Amino acid sequence: MPIFEYTATDAHGTRTSNTIVAQTRRAALDELFDRGLNPASLQERKESSAQTARFSGRITRADVEQFTRELGNLLNAGMSLSKALKILSRESSKPSSRKLWTDIHDAVANGMSLAEAMQQFPKLFSSVYVAMVQAGETGGFLELVLGHIADFRSREMELKNRVQAALIYPIILAGLACVIMLFLLIYFIPRFSSIFADFGGTLPALTRWIVSISQALLNHWLFIAGGIALVIISIKSFLNRPEGKIAMETWALKIPVIGQISSRFAFVRFARMLGTLLNAGVPLITALHVAKEAIGNRTLARTVENAVEKVRKGMSLSQGLRECPSLFSGANIEMIAVAEESSRLGEELARLAEYNEKELDRHLKTAVSFAEPIMLFLMAALVGTIVIGMLLPIFNLQELIH
């Protein structure tokens, strides 16, 4: 909903400036007149994407997490939402976050819900975040939901950091292999090939193949670099489109190790989010719709969407989730079924998320332990092939001299 900035005078002639939320400029003027204000100026605030980008650039994930946790604590202490937001905006030490918290406070003070106010900044507040806040506002337990959001984001960030840390060493090895290959092909091989050319004769096929690759890199490096850049840009452009993201996610799920890790990571996010919402008192159907958005994989989210529809029609959660074998294993389904019968679904989902997170960590360590020797073997094979290709003519050096 648009936000209008106004300057107006009241019945006593006092001049004031503030913001107001309204569907149209006409509606904003009517609202000001109803408040007994005589507007001198009224302009719609342009919440451009550039402004959102500036916020996202200067406000970190940790800032948002701290804001969420502190807002939940203030509300839990019995403070009103407007007053809590005002305190947080006043006490913020960063100008960028102070400006953002103030904008959210002004929007709430002018009649907008907290979820609607946060929805104006999608770079900072994801759709899952906004949906959880909206559920908390609707159910009257916003302070509980905010605390759960902060905990969820903290655990999710820890899990992502572990995944990224596990991938660092294989990526370094791959980068090192590329650097060594380029050095050999651009600097080392041209010097050998000039020596071989002086002797004449026919070089071995492997040597000729390697020399031709080296010469292509030296003579046409600009076209090769341009082609690689064009391919990268095309791939990024394709992946930025919805159909590209879905295709990439579907393809990744089919890769043996990567697919298993992706599915388990999605299950951890879904189970933790659903358990968090159920423990906070959110109805099951509402919680399922929010948790579905937390999966992070559209292909898996679509399968869950079908299961949610069946649960909405009266099917039990465990029976509905059996339709998603790529995300929910048989053991997890049986545990969820038992938890439904004992009315401990929220606690069991939280426990399953904890257990599967540990299993995910173990699978990551195993995958990395295999990836390291594989990368070293590939490096040795590539470098060894080039070295052998350069040594083969030396074995025939006496024949070439004659």
Protein backbone atom coordinates (compact mmCIF):
# COMPACT_ATOMS: atom_id res chain seq x y z
CA MET A 1 0.00 0.00 0.00
CA PRO A 2 1.38 3.46 -0.89
CA ILE A 3 2.87 5.70 1.78
CA PHE A 4 2.33 9.48 1.50
CA GLU A 5 4.49 12.13 3.16
CA TYR A 6 2.58 15.20 4.23
CA THR A 7 2.98 18.56 5.92
CA ALA A 8 -0.18 19.92 7.53
CA THR A 9 -1.50 22.29 10.20
CA ASP A 10 -4.07 21.42 12.84
CA ALA A 11 -6.91 23.54 14.20
CA HIS A 12 -4.51 25.41 16.49
CA GLY A 13 -2.17 26.28 13.64
CA THR A 14 0.53 23.85 14.70
CA ARG A 15 2.55 22.60 11.74
CA THR A 16 3.40 18.90 11.60
CA SER A 17 5.07 16.51 9.13
CA ASN A 18 4.54 12.76 9.04
CA THR A 19 3.51 9.88 6.79
CA ILE A 20 0.15 8.29 6.09
CA VAL A 21 -0.80 4.99 4.47
CA ALA A 22 -3.65 5.06 1.92
CA GLN A 23 -4.72 3.42 -1.31
CA THR A 24 -4.80 6.67 -3.30
CA ARG A 25 -3.89 10.34 -2.93
CA ARG A 26 -7.60 11.18 -2.61
CA ALA A 27 -7.99 8.68 0.22
CA ALA A 28 -4.93 10.15 1.96
CA LEU A 29 -6.43 13.67 1.75
CA ASP A 30 -9.76 12.43 3.14
CA GLU A 31 -7.96 10.76 6.02
CA LEU A 32 -6.08 13.97 6.85
CA PHE A 33 -9.29 16.00 6.80
CA ASP A 34 -10.94 13.43 9.08
CA ARG A 35 -8.09 13.94 11.53
CA GLY A 36 -8.74 17.68 11.52
CA LEU A 37 -5.56 18.48 9.59
CA ASN A 38 -5.21 20.99 6.77
CA PRO A 39 -2.57 19.60 4.36
CA ALA A 40 -0.05 22.01 2.88
CA SER A 41 1.78 19.33 0.86
CA LEU A 42 1.17 15.67 0.14
CA GLN A 43 3.53 13.48 -1.90
CA GLU A 44 3.70 9.76 -2.39
CA ARG A 45 6.91 8.22 -1.12
CA LYS A 46 8.75 6.37 -3.87
CA GLU A 47 9.87 3.07 -2.37
CA SER A 48 12.13 2.26 -5.28
CA SER A 49 14.13 -0.85 -5.73
CA ALA A 50 17.26 1.27 -5.47
CA GLN A 51 16.28 2.33 -1.96
CA THR A 52 15.65 -1.28 -1.03
CA ALA A 53 19.05 -2.21 -2.46
CA ARG A 54 20.71 0.47 -0.34
CA PHE A 55 19.04 -0.95 2.76
CA SER A 56 20.06 -4.49 1.87
CA GLY A 57 23.62 -3.35 1.27
CA ARG A 58 24.05 -1.68 4.63
CA ILE A 59 21.76 -3.71 6.87
CA THR A 60 23.11 -7.19 7.50
CA ARG A 61 21.29 -10.40 8.28
CA ALA A 62 22.58 -10.12 11.84
CA ASP A 63 20.94 -6.67 12.15
CA VAL A 64 17.57 -8.06 11.09
CA GLU A 65 17.95 -11.03 13.44
CA GLN A 66 18.79 -8.74 16.36
CA PHE A 67 15.85 -6.48 15.52
CA THR A 68 13.52 -9.48 15.40
CA ARG A 69 14.69 -10.86 18.73
CA GLU A 70 14.59 -7.50 20.52
CA LEU A 71 11.14 -6.69 19.13
CA GLY A 72 9.86 -10.05 20.38
CA ASN A 73 11.35 -9.41 23.85
CA LEU A 74 9.75 -5.96 24.08
CA LEU A 75 6.36 -7.29 23.04
CA ASN A 76 6.70 -10.18 25.48
CA ALA A 77 7.28 -7.61 28.23
CA GLY A 78 3.83 -6.14 27.53
CA MET A 79 4.87 -3.17 25.40
CA SER A 80 2.72 -2.07 22.47
CA LEU A 81 3.99 -2.72 18.95
CA SER A 82 4.22 0.97 18.04
CA LYS A 83 6.16 1.85 21.18
CA ALA A 84 8.50 -1.13 20.77
CA LEU A 85 9.29 -0.13 17.19
CA LYS A 86 9.91 3.46 18.26
CA ILE A 87 12.35 2.34 20.96
CA LEU A 88 14.25 0.11 18.53
CA SER A 89 14.51 2.87 15.94
CA ARG A 90 15.70 5.35 18.56
CA GLU A 91 18.26 2.99 20.11
CA SER A 92 19.73 1.72 16.83
CA SER A 93 23.39 2.65 16.44
CA LYS A 94 23.43 2.40 12.62
CA PRO A 95 21.85 5.22 10.60
CA SER A 96 20.62 2.81 7.90
CA SER A 97 18.85 0.50 10.34
CA ARG A 98 17.49 3.47 12.29
CA LYS A 99 15.95 4.78 9.06
CA LEU A 100 14.42 1.41 8.21
CA TRP A 101 13.00 0.77 11.70
CA THR A 102 11.55 4.31 11.64
CA ASP A 103 9.87 3.66 8.29
CA ILE A 104 8.35 0.44 9.63
CA HIS A 105 7.18 2.27 12.77
CA ASP A 106 5.57 5.04 10.70
CA ALA A 107 3.79 2.52 8.50
CA VAL A 108 2.43 0.65 11.53
CA ALA A 109 1.44 3.89 13.25
CA ASN A 110 -0.55 4.84 10.14
CA GLY A 111 -2.62 1.68 10.20
CA MET A 112 -0.50 -0.84 8.31
CA SER A 113 0.12 -4.24 9.87
CA LEU A 114 3.68 -5.21 10.75
CA ALA A 115 3.70 -7.88 8.04
CA GLU A 116 2.56 -5.36 5.42
CA ALA A 117 5.19 -2.87 6.56
CA MET A 118 7.94 -5.47 6.30
CA GLN A 119 6.67 -6.63 2.93
CA GLN A 120 7.83 -3.32 1.45
CA PHE A 121 11.45 -4.47 1.91
CA PRO A 122 11.63 -7.94 0.32
CA LYS A 123 15.43 -7.83 0.19
CA LEU A 124 15.53 -7.87 3.99
CA PHE A 125 12.32 -9.66 4.96
CA SER A 126 11.70 -12.80 2.95
CA SER A 127 8.25 -14.11 2.05
CA VAL A 128 8.64 -16.79 4.73
CA TYR A 129 9.52 -14.16 7.32
CA VAL A 130 6.51 -12.02 6.38
CA ALA A 131 4.17 -15.04 6.35
CA MET A 132 5.26 -16.03 9.87
CA VAL A 133 4.75 -12.47 11.15
CA GLN A 134 1.33 -12.37 9.53
CA ALA A 135 0.38 -15.67 11.17
CA GLY A 136 1.54 -14.34 14.54
CA GLU A 137 -0.44 -11.13 14.15
CA THR A 138 -3.57 -13.04 13.11
CA GLY A 139 -3.30 -15.53 15.97
CA GLY A 140 -2.38 -12.98 18.62
CA PHE A 141 1.03 -14.49 19.48
CA LEU A 142 3.34 -12.19 17.57
CA GLU A 143 5.95 -12.07 20.34
CA LEU A 144 6.31 -15.86 20.29
CA VAL A 145 6.61 -15.99 16.51
CA LEU A 146 9.28 -13.27 16.47
CA GLY A 147 11.39 -15.23 18.97
CA HIS A 148 11.00 -18.38 16.88
CA ILE A 149 11.92 -16.47 13.71
CA ALA A 150 15.15 -15.24 15.30
CA ASP A 151 16.04 -18.76 16.47
CA PHE A 152 15.15 -20.25 13.08
CA ARG A 153 17.26 -17.73 11.16
CA SER A 154 20.19 -18.28 13.51
CA ARG A 155 20.08 -22.07 13.10
CA GLU A 156 19.59 -21.79 9.34
CA MET A 157 22.62 -19.52 9.03
CA GLU A 158 24.73 -21.96 11.06
CA LEU A 159 23.68 -24.77 8.73
CA LYS A 160 24.45 -22.72 5.60
CA ASN A 161 27.85 -21.76 7.01
CA ARG A 162 28.68 -25.42 7.56
CA VAL A 163 27.69 -26.24 3.98
CA GLN A 164 29.81 -23.38 2.62
CA ALA A 165 32.76 -24.32 4.83
CA ALA A 166 32.59 -27.90 3.55
CA LEU A 167 32.80 -26.69 -0.06
CA ILE A 168 35.75 -24.32 0.40
CA TYR A 169 38.55 -26.88 0.05
CA PRO A 170 37.20 -28.61 -3.11
CA ILE A 171 36.67 -25.20 -4.73
CA ILE A 172 40.24 -24.16 -3.87
CA LEU A 173 41.57 -27.40 -5.40
CA ALA A 174 39.53 -26.84 -8.58
CA GLY A 175 40.80 -23.28 -8.85
CA LEU A 176 44.39 -24.40 -8.29
CA ALA A 177 44.03 -27.04 -11.01
CA CYS A 178 42.80 -24.42 -13.49
CA VAL A 179 45.72 -22.10 -12.65
CA ILE A 180 48.29 -24.88 -13.11
CA MET A 181 46.73 -25.94 -16.41
CA LEU A 182 46.78 -22.39 -17.76
CA PHE A 183 50.41 -21.93 -16.68
CA LEU A 184 51.49 -25.11 -18.45
CA LEU A 185 49.53 -24.39 -21.61
CA ILE A 186 50.44 -20.71 -21.92
CA TYR A 187 54.00 -20.51 -20.57
CA PHE A 188 55.56 -23.96 -20.36
CA ILE A 189 54.41 -25.74 -23.52
CA PRO A 190 55.24 -22.97 -26.07
CA ARG A 191 58.91 -23.17 -25.04
CA PHE A 192 58.99 -26.92 -25.48
CA SER A 193 57.17 -26.78 -28.81
CA SER A 194 59.76 -24.35 -30.21
CA ILE A 195 62.51 -26.83 -29.26
CA PHE A 196 60.66 -29.68 -30.93
CA ALA A 197 60.17 -27.61 -34.08
CA ASP A 198 63.96 -27.17 -34.45
CA PHE A 199 64.49 -30.91 -34.57
CA GLY A 200 61.83 -31.52 -37.22
CA GLY A 201 60.21 -34.87 -37.55
CA THR A 202 56.76 -36.00 -36.58
CA LEU A 203 55.68 -35.43 -33.00
CA PRO A 204 53.56 -37.97 -31.11
CA ALA A 205 49.79 -37.51 -31.43
CA LEU A 206 49.36 -36.60 -27.73
CA THR A 207 52.07 -33.94 -28.01
CA ARG A 208 50.55 -32.46 -31.17
CA TRP A 209 47.14 -32.33 -29.47
CA ILE A 210 48.53 -30.52 -26.43
CA VAL A 211 50.54 -28.08 -28.56
CA SER A 212 47.49 -27.27 -30.69
CA ILE A 213 45.48 -26.44 -27.54
CA SER A 214 48.32 -24.22 -26.32
CA GLN A 215 48.55 -22.38 -29.63
CA ALA A 216 44.77 -21.88 -29.71
CA LEU A 217 44.90 -20.31 -26.25
CA LEU A 218 47.77 -18.01 -27.25
CA ASN A 219 46.41 -16.96 -30.65
CA HIS A 220 42.68 -16.78 -29.90
CA TRP A 221 42.55 -16.06 -26.17
CA LEU A 222 40.36 -13.01 -26.70
CA PHE A 223 37.69 -14.99 -28.56
CA ILE A 224 37.89 -17.84 -26.04
CA ALA A 225 37.55 -15.44 -23.11
CA GLY A 226 34.63 -13.71 -24.83
CA GLY A 227 32.94 -17.04 -25.52
CA ILE A 228 33.34 -18.15 -21.91
CA ALA A 229 31.97 -14.82 -20.68
CA LEU A 230 29.02 -15.12 -23.08
CA VAL A 231 28.26 -18.63 -21.85
CA ILE A 232 28.41 -17.51 -18.21
CA ILE A 233 26.14 -14.54 -18.86
CA SER A 234 23.67 -16.74 -20.75
CA ILE A 235 23.59 -19.31 -17.95
CA LYS A 236 23.10 -16.62 -15.30
CA SER A 237 20.34 -15.01 -17.34
CA PHE A 238 18.61 -18.38 -17.71
CA LEU A 239 18.94 -19.18 -14.00
CA ASN A 240 17.49 -15.79 -13.05
CA ARG A 241 14.24 -16.73 -14.78
CA PRO A 242 11.73 -18.91 -12.87
CA GLU A 243 11.87 -21.72 -15.42
CA GLY A 244 15.68 -21.67 -15.27
CA LYS A 245 15.72 -21.97 -11.48
CA ILE A 246 13.27 -24.85 -11.58
CA ALA A 247 15.29 -26.64 -14.27
CA MET A 248 18.50 -26.18 -12.27
CA GLU A 249 16.92 -27.41 -9.05
CA THR A 250 15.39 -30.43 -10.80
CA TRP A 251 18.72 -31.29 -12.42
CA ALA A 252 20.59 -30.92 -9.10
CA LEU A 253 18.20 -33.36 -7.39
CA LYS A 254 19.13 -36.05 -9.93
CA ILE A 255 22.86 -35.91 -9.13
CA PRO A 256 23.57 -38.82 -6.74
CA VAL A 257 25.34 -37.11 -3.82
CA ILE A 258 24.28 -33.50 -4.41
CA GLY A 259 20.63 -34.53 -4.79
CA GLN A 260 20.60 -36.38 -1.47
CA ILE A 261 22.23 -33.47 0.34
CA SER A 262 19.82 -30.96 -1.25
CA SER A 263 16.79 -33.05 -0.27
CA ARG A 264 17.94 -33.46 3.31
CA PHE A 265 18.73 -29.75 3.58
CA ALA A 266 15.21 -28.94 2.31
CA PHE A 267 13.66 -31.37 4.78
CA VAL A 268 15.55 -29.79 7.68
CA ARG A 269 14.25 -26.33 6.73
CA PHE A 270 10.68 -27.60 6.26
CA ALA A 271 10.57 -29.63 9.48
CA ARG A 272 12.12 -26.88 11.60
CA MET A 273 9.80 -24.22 10.19
CA LEU A 274 6.67 -26.37 10.55
CA GLY A 275 7.63 -27.45 14.07
CA THR A 276 8.36 -23.85 15.05
CA LEU A 277 4.98 -22.64 13.80
CA LEU A 278 3.03 -25.48 15.40
CA ASN A 279 4.76 -24.94 18.74
CA ALA A 280 3.79 -21.26 18.48
CA GLY A 281 0.13 -22.20 18.05
CA VAL A 282 -0.26 -21.61 14.32
CA PRO A 283 -2.98 -23.81 12.71
CA LEU A 284 -1.66 -26.76 10.73
CA ILE A 285 -2.84 -25.66 7.27
CA THR A 286 -1.48 -22.14 7.73
CA ALA A 287 1.80 -23.54 9.08
CA LEU A 288 2.12 -25.90 6.11
CA HIS A 289 1.69 -23.08 3.61
CA VAL A 290 4.41 -21.05 5.36
CA ALA A 291 6.77 -24.02 5.82
CA LYS A 292 6.39 -24.90 2.14
CA GLU A 293 7.96 -21.55 1.24
CA ALA A 294 10.93 -22.30 3.52
CA ILE A 295 11.98 -25.37 1.52
CA GLY A 296 14.03 -23.29 -0.90
CA ASN A 297 13.57 -25.73 -3.80
CA ARG A 298 10.60 -25.06 -6.08
CA THR A 299 10.52 -28.59 -7.43
CA LEU A 300 10.19 -30.04 -3.93
CA ALA A 301 7.85 -27.24 -2.88
CA ARG A 302 5.44 -28.21 -5.66
CA THR A 303 5.22 -31.78 -4.40
CA VAL A 304 4.56 -30.52 -0.88
CA GLU A 305 1.87 -28.20 -2.24
CA ASN A 306 -0.08 -31.22 -3.48
CA ALA A 307 0.28 -32.85 -0.07
CA VAL A 308 -0.95 -29.69 1.68
CA GLU A 309 -4.05 -29.69 -0.49
CA LYS A 310 -4.82 -33.28 0.54
CA VAL A 311 -4.32 -32.45 4.22
CA ARG A 312 -6.69 -29.51 3.81
CA LYS A 313 -9.33 -31.93 2.51
CA GLY A 314 -9.06 -34.09 5.63
CA MET A 315 -6.12 -36.45 5.05
CA SER A 316 -3.63 -36.86 7.86
CA LEU A 317 -0.28 -35.10 7.52
CA SER A 318 1.73 -38.32 7.39
CA GLN A 319 -0.49 -39.73 4.60
CA GLY A 320 -0.25 -36.49 2.62
CA LEU A 321 3.52 -36.34 2.92
CA ARG A 322 3.88 -39.89 1.58
CA GLU A 323 3.24 -38.29 -1.81
CA CYS A 324 6.68 -36.63 -1.56
CA PRO A 325 9.19 -39.54 -1.32
CA SER A 326 11.99 -37.34 -2.66
CA LEU A 327 11.73 -35.15 0.44
CA PHE A 328 10.32 -37.38 3.18
CA SER A 329 11.86 -40.77 3.84
CA GLY A 330 9.79 -43.68 5.09
CA ALA A 331 11.33 -43.47 8.57
CA ASN A 332 10.52 -39.77 8.89
CA ILE A 333 6.94 -40.38 7.72
CA GLU A 334 6.44 -43.10 10.35
CA MET A 335 7.76 -40.82 13.09
CA ILE A 336 5.43 -38.03 11.96
CA ALA A 337 2.49 -40.49 11.99
CA VAL A 338 3.27 -41.53 15.57
CA ALA A 339 3.63 -37.88 16.61
CA GLU A 340 0.21 -37.08 15.10
CA GLU A 341 -1.42 -39.82 17.15
CA SER A 342 0.24 -38.62 20.36
CA SER A 343 -0.45 -34.90 19.63
CA ARG A 344 3.27 -34.12 19.78
CA LEU A 345 3.71 -33.13 16.14
CA GLY A 346 5.50 -29.82 16.79
CA GLU A 347 8.02 -31.33 19.21
CA GLU A 348 8.66 -34.34 16.97
CA LEU A 349 9.24 -32.17 13.89
CA ALA A 350 11.76 -30.09 15.84
CA ARG A 351 13.51 -33.30 16.94
CA LEU A 352 13.52 -34.65 13.38
CA ALA A 353 15.00 -31.38 12.13
CA GLU A 354 17.76 -31.64 14.75
CA TYR A 355 18.49 -35.28 13.91
CA ASN A 356 18.50 -34.75 10.14
CA GLU A 357 20.70 -31.70 10.53
CA LYS A 358 23.32 -33.87 12.23
CA GLU A 359 22.94 -36.47 9.49
CA LEU A 360 23.35 -33.73 6.88
CA ASP A 361 26.54 -32.57 8.57
CA ARG A 362 27.84 -36.16 8.54
CA HIS A 363 26.97 -36.60 4.85
CA LEU A 364 28.71 -33.33 4.01
CA LYS A 365 31.88 -34.42 5.78
CA THR A 366 31.75 -37.78 3.99
CA ALA A 367 31.18 -36.14 0.61
CA VAL A 368 34.06 -33.72 1.18
CA SER A 369 36.36 -36.54 2.31
CA PHE A 370 35.68 -38.24 -1.03
CA ALA A 371 35.83 -35.03 -3.04
CA GLU A 372 39.33 -34.11 -1.85
CA PRO A 373 41.15 -37.21 -3.19
CA ILE A 374 39.04 -37.12 -6.38
CA MET A 375 40.07 -33.52 -7.03
CA LEU A 376 43.71 -34.36 -6.31
CA PHE A 377 43.49 -37.34 -8.67
CA LEU A 378 42.01 -35.17 -11.44
CA MET A 379 44.74 -32.56 -10.93
CA ALA A 380 47.42 -35.24 -11.11
CA ALA A 381 45.81 -36.79 -14.20
CA LEU A 382 45.60 -33.48 -16.08
CA VAL A 383 49.08 -32.30 -15.17
CA GLY A 384 50.51 -35.76 -15.72
CA THR A 385 48.97 -35.97 -19.19
CA ILE A 386 50.60 -32.69 -20.19
CA VAL A 387 53.98 -33.71 -18.74
CA ILE A 388 53.87 -37.07 -20.51
CA GLY A 389 52.92 -35.35 -23.76
CA MET A 390 55.98 -33.15 -23.45
CA LEU A 391 58.31 -36.01 -22.50
CA LEU A 392 57.30 -38.36 -25.32
CA PRO A 393 59.36 -36.46 -27.96
CA ILE A 394 62.37 -36.51 -25.65
CA PHE A 395 62.29 -40.31 -25.62
CA ASN A 396 62.62 -40.14 -29.41
CA LEU A 397 65.15 -37.29 -29.29
CA GLN A 398 67.98 -39.32 -30.83
CA GLU A 399 65.79 -40.33 -33.80
CA LEU A 400 64.68 -36.70 -34.33
CA ILE A 401 68.30 -35.47 -34.28
CA HIS A 402 69.31 -37.97 -36.96
